[in-house]
Amino acid sequence: MSDIQPLFPLGTATTPRPPRSQHSVALLGLWCQLAIKVAEAMAHDSCDANLLWHQQVLVEEEIATSFPELDERMIELLVWESELLHDAAGEPGNCLQCRRARLNLPPECPVPATRQGVRL
């Protein structure tokens, strides 16, 4: 008998994944944070919208150049980003779409609302 244990249970289907570098993880996280800020800034006519969008594009270009193996992941993230875009009237602090994005809730998840002071 051997004391060596397999890394994965035998019989488990596993897909080999390339090792992720801390740099790629950090860039993907930054891109997601900027996507949320850009969507909020654009929806609420913030003067920072263009600057934030430019920063997001720079991060996206860095990901595409340095980590071409993440192309499929970026396509998934672009679809996610399109779900963040919305038209809003009022302040970002009162906007349900912005709140969903900040809390990282899926679009179909209802956000508690109030009607005449009663939480629904």
N, C-alpha and C. Protein backbone atom coordinates (compact mmCIF):
# COMPACT_ATOMS: atom_id res chain seq x y z
N MET A 1 0.84 -1.18 0.00
CA MET A 1 0.00 0.00 0.00
C MET A 1 0.87 1.24 0.00
N SER A 2 0.37 2.24 -0.68
CA SER A 2 1.11 3.49 -0.79
C SER A 2 0.41 4.57 0.01
N ASP A 3 1.19 5.46 0.58
CA ASP A 3 0.63 6.59 1.31
C ASP A 3 0.32 7.77 0.41
N ILE A 4 0.63 7.65 -0.85
CA ILE A 4 0.41 8.74 -1.79
C ILE A 4 -1.06 8.77 -2.20
N GLN A 5 -1.69 9.90 -2.02
CA GLN A 5 -3.10 10.07 -2.36
C GLN A 5 -3.20 10.89 -3.65
N PRO A 6 -4.14 10.55 -4.52
CA PRO A 6 -4.31 11.37 -5.73
C PRO A 6 -4.83 12.76 -5.36
N LEU A 7 -4.49 13.73 -6.20
CA LEU A 7 -4.95 15.09 -5.96
C LEU A 7 -6.46 15.20 -6.10
N PHE A 8 -7.04 14.42 -7.01
CA PHE A 8 -8.47 14.44 -7.24
C PHE A 8 -9.01 13.04 -7.00
N PRO A 9 -10.21 12.91 -6.50
CA PRO A 9 -10.77 11.57 -6.34
C PRO A 9 -10.79 10.84 -7.68
N LEU A 10 -10.45 9.58 -7.67
CA LEU A 10 -10.45 8.81 -8.89
C LEU A 10 -11.87 8.74 -9.45
N GLY A 11 -11.98 8.78 -10.76
CA GLY A 11 -13.29 8.72 -11.39
C GLY A 11 -13.96 10.07 -11.51
N THR A 12 -13.36 11.12 -10.98
CA THR A 12 -13.94 12.46 -11.09
C THR A 12 -13.46 13.10 -12.38
N ALA A 13 -14.40 13.59 -13.16
CA ALA A 13 -14.02 14.27 -14.40
C ALA A 13 -13.49 15.64 -14.04
N THR A 14 -12.28 15.90 -14.44
CA THR A 14 -11.68 17.21 -14.18
C THR A 14 -11.20 17.79 -15.48
N THR A 15 -11.31 19.08 -15.57
CA THR A 15 -10.82 19.79 -16.73
C THR A 15 -9.52 20.46 -16.34
N PRO A 16 -8.44 20.18 -17.05
CA PRO A 16 -7.19 20.85 -16.68
C PRO A 16 -7.31 22.35 -16.90
N ARG A 17 -6.88 23.09 -15.93
CA ARG A 17 -6.92 24.55 -16.02
C ARG A 17 -5.51 25.07 -15.93
N PRO A 18 -5.22 26.08 -16.72
CA PRO A 18 -3.88 26.67 -16.60
C PRO A 18 -3.76 27.40 -15.26
N PRO A 19 -2.58 27.40 -14.70
CA PRO A 19 -2.41 28.11 -13.43
C PRO A 19 -2.67 29.61 -13.62
N ARG A 20 -3.36 30.17 -12.68
CA ARG A 20 -3.65 31.60 -12.75
C ARG A 20 -2.55 32.37 -12.03
N SER A 21 -2.14 33.41 -12.66
CA SER A 21 -1.16 34.26 -12.00
C SER A 21 -1.90 35.30 -11.16
N GLN A 22 -1.25 35.76 -10.14
CA GLN A 22 -1.87 36.78 -9.29
C GLN A 22 -2.14 38.04 -10.10
N HIS A 23 -1.28 38.30 -11.08
CA HIS A 23 -1.46 39.49 -11.90
C HIS A 23 -2.73 39.40 -12.73
N SER A 24 -3.00 38.25 -13.33
CA SER A 24 -4.22 38.11 -14.14
C SER A 24 -5.46 38.21 -13.27
N VAL A 25 -5.43 37.61 -12.08
CA VAL A 25 -6.56 37.68 -11.16
C VAL A 25 -6.80 39.13 -10.74
N ALA A 26 -5.73 39.85 -10.45
CA ALA A 26 -5.85 41.25 -10.05
C ALA A 26 -6.42 42.10 -11.19
N LEU A 27 -5.95 41.86 -12.41
CA LEU A 27 -6.46 42.63 -13.55
C LEU A 27 -7.94 42.34 -13.81
N LEU A 28 -8.35 41.07 -13.72
CA LEU A 28 -9.76 40.74 -13.92
C LEU A 28 -10.63 41.39 -12.84
N GLY A 29 -10.15 41.37 -11.61
CA GLY A 29 -10.89 42.02 -10.51
C GLY A 29 -11.00 43.52 -10.72
N LEU A 30 -9.92 44.15 -11.15
CA LEU A 30 -9.94 45.59 -11.42
C LEU A 30 -10.90 45.91 -12.56
N TRP A 31 -10.87 45.09 -13.61
CA TRP A 31 -11.77 45.31 -14.75
C TRP A 31 -13.22 45.25 -14.29
N CYS A 32 -13.56 44.28 -13.44
CA CYS A 32 -14.94 44.15 -12.95
C CYS A 32 -15.34 45.36 -12.09
N GLN A 33 -14.44 45.80 -11.23
CA GLN A 33 -14.73 46.99 -10.41
C GLN A 33 -14.97 48.21 -11.29
N LEU A 34 -14.13 48.37 -12.29
CA LEU A 34 -14.30 49.51 -13.20
C LEU A 34 -15.59 49.39 -14.01
N ALA A 35 -15.98 48.18 -14.40
CA ALA A 35 -17.22 47.99 -15.16
C ALA A 35 -18.41 48.48 -14.35
N ILE A 36 -18.44 48.16 -13.06
CA ILE A 36 -19.53 48.61 -12.19
C ILE A 36 -19.52 50.13 -12.08
N LYS A 37 -18.35 50.72 -11.89
CA LYS A 37 -18.25 52.17 -11.76
C LYS A 37 -18.62 52.89 -13.06
N VAL A 38 -18.21 52.32 -14.20
CA VAL A 38 -18.53 52.92 -15.49
C VAL A 38 -20.04 52.90 -15.72
N ALA A 39 -20.68 51.76 -15.45
CA ALA A 39 -22.13 51.64 -15.64
C ALA A 39 -22.87 52.65 -14.77
N GLU A 40 -22.45 52.79 -13.53
CA GLU A 40 -23.08 53.76 -12.63
C GLU A 40 -22.85 55.19 -13.10
N ALA A 41 -21.61 55.48 -13.48
CA ALA A 41 -21.28 56.84 -13.91
C ALA A 41 -22.03 57.22 -15.19
N MET A 42 -22.14 56.28 -16.13
CA MET A 42 -22.84 56.57 -17.38
C MET A 42 -24.35 56.73 -17.15
N ALA A 43 -24.91 55.89 -16.31
CA ALA A 43 -26.35 55.95 -16.06
C ALA A 43 -26.74 57.24 -15.36
N HIS A 44 -25.87 57.74 -14.54
CA HIS A 44 -26.20 58.91 -13.72
C HIS A 44 -25.46 60.16 -14.17
N ASP A 45 -24.99 60.17 -15.41
CA ASP A 45 -24.37 61.35 -16.03
C ASP A 45 -23.25 61.95 -15.18
N SER A 46 -22.38 61.09 -14.66
CA SER A 46 -21.25 61.57 -13.88
C SER A 46 -20.18 62.11 -14.82
N CYS A 47 -19.49 63.14 -14.37
CA CYS A 47 -18.41 63.71 -15.18
C CYS A 47 -17.21 62.76 -15.24
N ASP A 48 -17.18 61.73 -14.39
CA ASP A 48 -16.08 60.77 -14.37
C ASP A 48 -16.27 59.62 -15.36
N ALA A 49 -17.39 59.57 -16.05
CA ALA A 49 -17.72 58.42 -16.90
C ALA A 49 -16.64 58.16 -17.95
N ASN A 50 -16.21 59.16 -18.67
CA ASN A 50 -15.21 58.96 -19.73
C ASN A 50 -13.86 58.53 -19.18
N LEU A 51 -13.45 59.12 -18.07
CA LEU A 51 -12.17 58.75 -17.46
C LEU A 51 -12.21 57.30 -16.99
N LEU A 52 -13.29 56.91 -16.32
CA LEU A 52 -13.42 55.53 -15.85
C LEU A 52 -13.45 54.55 -17.02
N TRP A 53 -14.19 54.90 -18.07
CA TRP A 53 -14.28 54.03 -19.24
C TRP A 53 -12.90 53.87 -19.88
N HIS A 54 -12.14 54.96 -19.98
CA HIS A 54 -10.79 54.89 -20.55
C HIS A 54 -9.90 53.97 -19.71
N GLN A 55 -10.00 54.07 -18.39
CA GLN A 55 -9.21 53.20 -17.52
C GLN A 55 -9.60 51.73 -17.72
N GLN A 56 -10.90 51.48 -17.88
CA GLN A 56 -11.37 50.12 -18.11
C GLN A 56 -10.81 49.57 -19.43
N VAL A 57 -10.80 50.38 -20.46
CA VAL A 57 -10.27 49.96 -21.76
C VAL A 57 -8.78 49.64 -21.64
N LEU A 58 -8.04 50.45 -20.91
CA LEU A 58 -6.61 50.17 -20.72
C LEU A 58 -6.38 48.83 -20.02
N VAL A 59 -7.18 48.55 -19.00
CA VAL A 59 -7.06 47.27 -18.29
C VAL A 59 -7.43 46.13 -19.22
N GLU A 60 -8.49 46.31 -20.00
CA GLU A 60 -8.93 45.28 -20.94
C GLU A 60 -7.84 44.99 -21.99
N GLU A 61 -7.19 46.03 -22.48
CA GLU A 61 -6.10 45.85 -23.44
C GLU A 61 -4.92 45.11 -22.82
N GLU A 62 -4.62 45.41 -21.57
CA GLU A 62 -3.54 44.73 -20.87
C GLU A 62 -3.86 43.24 -20.70
N ILE A 63 -5.10 42.93 -20.36
CA ILE A 63 -5.51 41.53 -20.23
C ILE A 63 -5.38 40.81 -21.58
N ALA A 64 -5.87 41.45 -22.64
CA ALA A 64 -5.83 40.83 -23.97
C ALA A 64 -4.39 40.60 -24.44
N THR A 65 -3.51 41.54 -24.14
CA THR A 65 -2.12 41.44 -24.57
C THR A 65 -1.33 40.44 -23.73
N SER A 66 -1.49 40.50 -22.43
CA SER A 66 -0.67 39.68 -21.53
C SER A 66 -1.23 38.28 -21.31
N PHE A 67 -2.54 38.12 -21.43
CA PHE A 67 -3.17 36.84 -21.12
C PHE A 67 -4.18 36.45 -22.20
N PRO A 68 -3.71 36.13 -23.40
CA PRO A 68 -4.65 35.77 -24.48
C PRO A 68 -5.49 34.53 -24.16
N GLU A 69 -5.03 33.71 -23.22
CA GLU A 69 -5.80 32.52 -22.84
C GLU A 69 -7.09 32.89 -22.09
N LEU A 70 -7.24 34.15 -21.72
CA LEU A 70 -8.44 34.60 -21.01
C LEU A 70 -9.50 35.19 -21.95
N ASP A 71 -9.33 34.99 -23.26
CA ASP A 71 -10.29 35.55 -24.22
C ASP A 71 -11.72 35.08 -23.94
N GLU A 72 -11.91 33.80 -23.67
CA GLU A 72 -13.26 33.29 -23.40
C GLU A 72 -13.83 33.89 -22.13
N ARG A 73 -13.00 34.04 -21.11
CA ARG A 73 -13.44 34.65 -19.86
C ARG A 73 -13.87 36.10 -20.09
N MET A 74 -13.12 36.82 -20.92
CA MET A 74 -13.47 38.22 -21.20
C MET A 74 -14.81 38.31 -21.95
N ILE A 75 -15.10 37.35 -22.82
CA ILE A 75 -16.39 37.35 -23.50
C ILE A 75 -17.51 37.19 -22.47
N GLU A 76 -17.34 36.29 -21.51
CA GLU A 76 -18.32 36.12 -20.44
C GLU A 76 -18.48 37.41 -19.64
N LEU A 77 -17.37 38.06 -19.36
CA LEU A 77 -17.43 39.31 -18.58
C LEU A 77 -18.09 40.44 -19.37
N LEU A 78 -17.89 40.47 -20.67
CA LEU A 78 -18.54 41.49 -21.48
C LEU A 78 -20.06 41.30 -21.50
N VAL A 79 -20.51 40.06 -21.51
CA VAL A 79 -21.95 39.80 -21.41
C VAL A 79 -22.46 40.27 -20.05
N TRP A 80 -21.72 39.95 -18.99
CA TRP A 80 -22.08 40.40 -17.64
C TRP A 80 -22.13 41.93 -17.58
N GLU A 81 -21.14 42.57 -18.20
CA GLU A 81 -21.09 44.03 -18.19
C GLU A 81 -22.32 44.62 -18.87
N SER A 82 -22.79 44.00 -19.96
CA SER A 82 -23.95 44.53 -20.67
C SER A 82 -25.20 44.50 -19.79
N GLU A 83 -25.24 43.59 -18.82
CA GLU A 83 -26.37 43.54 -17.89
C GLU A 83 -26.34 44.69 -16.88
N LEU A 84 -25.18 45.31 -16.72
CA LEU A 84 -25.05 46.42 -15.77
C LEU A 84 -25.58 47.73 -16.34
N LEU A 85 -25.57 47.86 -17.66
CA LEU A 85 -25.94 49.13 -18.29
C LEU A 85 -27.43 49.40 -18.10
N HIS A 86 -27.75 50.63 -17.76
CA HIS A 86 -29.14 51.01 -17.53
C HIS A 86 -29.28 52.51 -17.60
N ASP A 87 -30.51 52.95 -17.78
CA ASP A 87 -30.84 54.37 -17.71
C ASP A 87 -31.43 54.62 -16.34
N ALA A 88 -31.02 55.66 -15.72
CA ALA A 88 -31.53 55.93 -14.38
C ALA A 88 -31.81 57.40 -14.18
N ALA A 89 -32.79 57.66 -13.40
CA ALA A 89 -33.09 59.02 -12.98
C ALA A 89 -32.88 59.06 -11.47
N GLY A 90 -32.25 60.08 -11.00
CA GLY A 90 -32.01 60.18 -9.57
C GLY A 90 -30.57 59.88 -9.20
N GLU A 91 -30.37 59.77 -7.91
CA GLU A 91 -29.02 59.57 -7.37
C GLU A 91 -28.62 58.10 -7.41
N PRO A 92 -27.32 57.82 -7.61
CA PRO A 92 -26.86 56.42 -7.63
C PRO A 92 -27.15 55.68 -6.33
N GLY A 93 -27.15 56.39 -5.21
CA GLY A 93 -27.43 55.75 -3.93
C GLY A 93 -28.84 55.20 -3.82
N ASN A 94 -29.77 55.74 -4.63
CA ASN A 94 -31.15 55.28 -4.60
C ASN A 94 -31.50 54.39 -5.79
N CYS A 95 -30.56 54.11 -6.64
CA CYS A 95 -30.79 53.35 -7.86
C CYS A 95 -30.67 51.85 -7.57
N LEU A 96 -31.73 51.10 -7.84
CA LEU A 96 -31.72 49.66 -7.57
C LEU A 96 -30.72 48.92 -8.45
N GLN A 97 -30.56 49.34 -9.71
CA GLN A 97 -29.59 48.69 -10.59
C GLN A 97 -28.17 48.87 -10.06
N CYS A 98 -27.85 50.07 -9.63
CA CYS A 98 -26.51 50.33 -9.09
C CYS A 98 -26.30 49.55 -7.80
N ARG A 99 -27.35 49.47 -6.99
CA ARG A 99 -27.25 48.72 -5.73
C ARG A 99 -27.01 47.24 -6.02
N ARG A 100 -27.73 46.68 -6.99
CA ARG A 100 -27.52 45.28 -7.37
C ARG A 100 -26.07 45.05 -7.80
N ALA A 101 -25.54 45.96 -8.60
CA ALA A 101 -24.16 45.82 -9.09
C ALA A 101 -23.17 45.90 -7.93
N ARG A 102 -23.36 46.87 -7.04
CA ARG A 102 -22.43 47.01 -5.91
C ARG A 102 -22.45 45.79 -5.00
N LEU A 103 -23.63 45.17 -4.85
CA LEU A 103 -23.77 43.99 -3.99
C LEU A 103 -23.47 42.69 -4.72
N ASN A 104 -23.20 42.80 -6.03
CA ASN A 104 -22.90 41.65 -6.87
C ASN A 104 -24.07 40.66 -6.90
N LEU A 105 -25.29 41.19 -6.99
CA LEU A 105 -26.49 40.36 -7.08
C LEU A 105 -26.85 40.14 -8.54
N PRO A 106 -27.36 38.97 -8.88
CA PRO A 106 -27.78 38.73 -10.27
C PRO A 106 -28.98 39.59 -10.62
N PRO A 107 -29.17 39.93 -11.89
CA PRO A 107 -30.27 40.81 -12.30
C PRO A 107 -31.64 40.28 -11.91
N GLU A 108 -31.82 38.95 -11.88
CA GLU A 108 -33.13 38.41 -11.56
C GLU A 108 -33.43 38.39 -10.06
N CYS A 109 -32.43 38.71 -9.23
CA CYS A 109 -32.62 38.72 -7.79
C CYS A 109 -33.33 40.00 -7.37
N PRO A 110 -34.51 39.88 -6.74
CA PRO A 110 -35.22 41.10 -6.34
C PRO A 110 -34.50 41.80 -5.20
N VAL A 111 -34.48 43.10 -5.27
CA VAL A 111 -33.91 43.92 -4.19
C VAL A 111 -35.07 44.40 -3.34
N PRO A 112 -35.01 44.22 -2.02
CA PRO A 112 -36.12 44.66 -1.19
C PRO A 112 -36.45 46.13 -1.40
N ALA A 113 -37.71 46.42 -1.52
CA ALA A 113 -38.16 47.79 -1.73
C ALA A 113 -39.16 48.14 -0.64
N THR A 114 -39.49 49.40 -0.56
CA THR A 114 -40.48 49.83 0.43
C THR A 114 -41.61 50.54 -0.27
N ARG A 115 -42.78 50.40 0.27
CA ARG A 115 -43.95 51.10 -0.23
C ARG A 115 -44.66 51.70 0.97
N GLN A 116 -44.76 53.00 0.99
CA GLN A 116 -45.37 53.73 2.10
C GLN A 116 -44.75 53.33 3.44
N GLY A 117 -43.45 53.19 3.45
CA GLY A 117 -42.72 52.92 4.70
C GLY A 117 -42.71 51.46 5.11
N VAL A 118 -43.37 50.58 4.35
CA VAL A 118 -43.41 49.16 4.70
C VAL A 118 -42.50 48.41 3.75
N ARG A 119 -41.62 47.61 4.32
CA ARG A 119 -40.70 46.83 3.48
C ARG A 119 -41.43 45.68 2.84
N LEU A 120 -41.31 45.55 1.53
CA LEU A 120 -41.99 44.49 0.79
C LEU A 120 -41.12 43.28 0.67
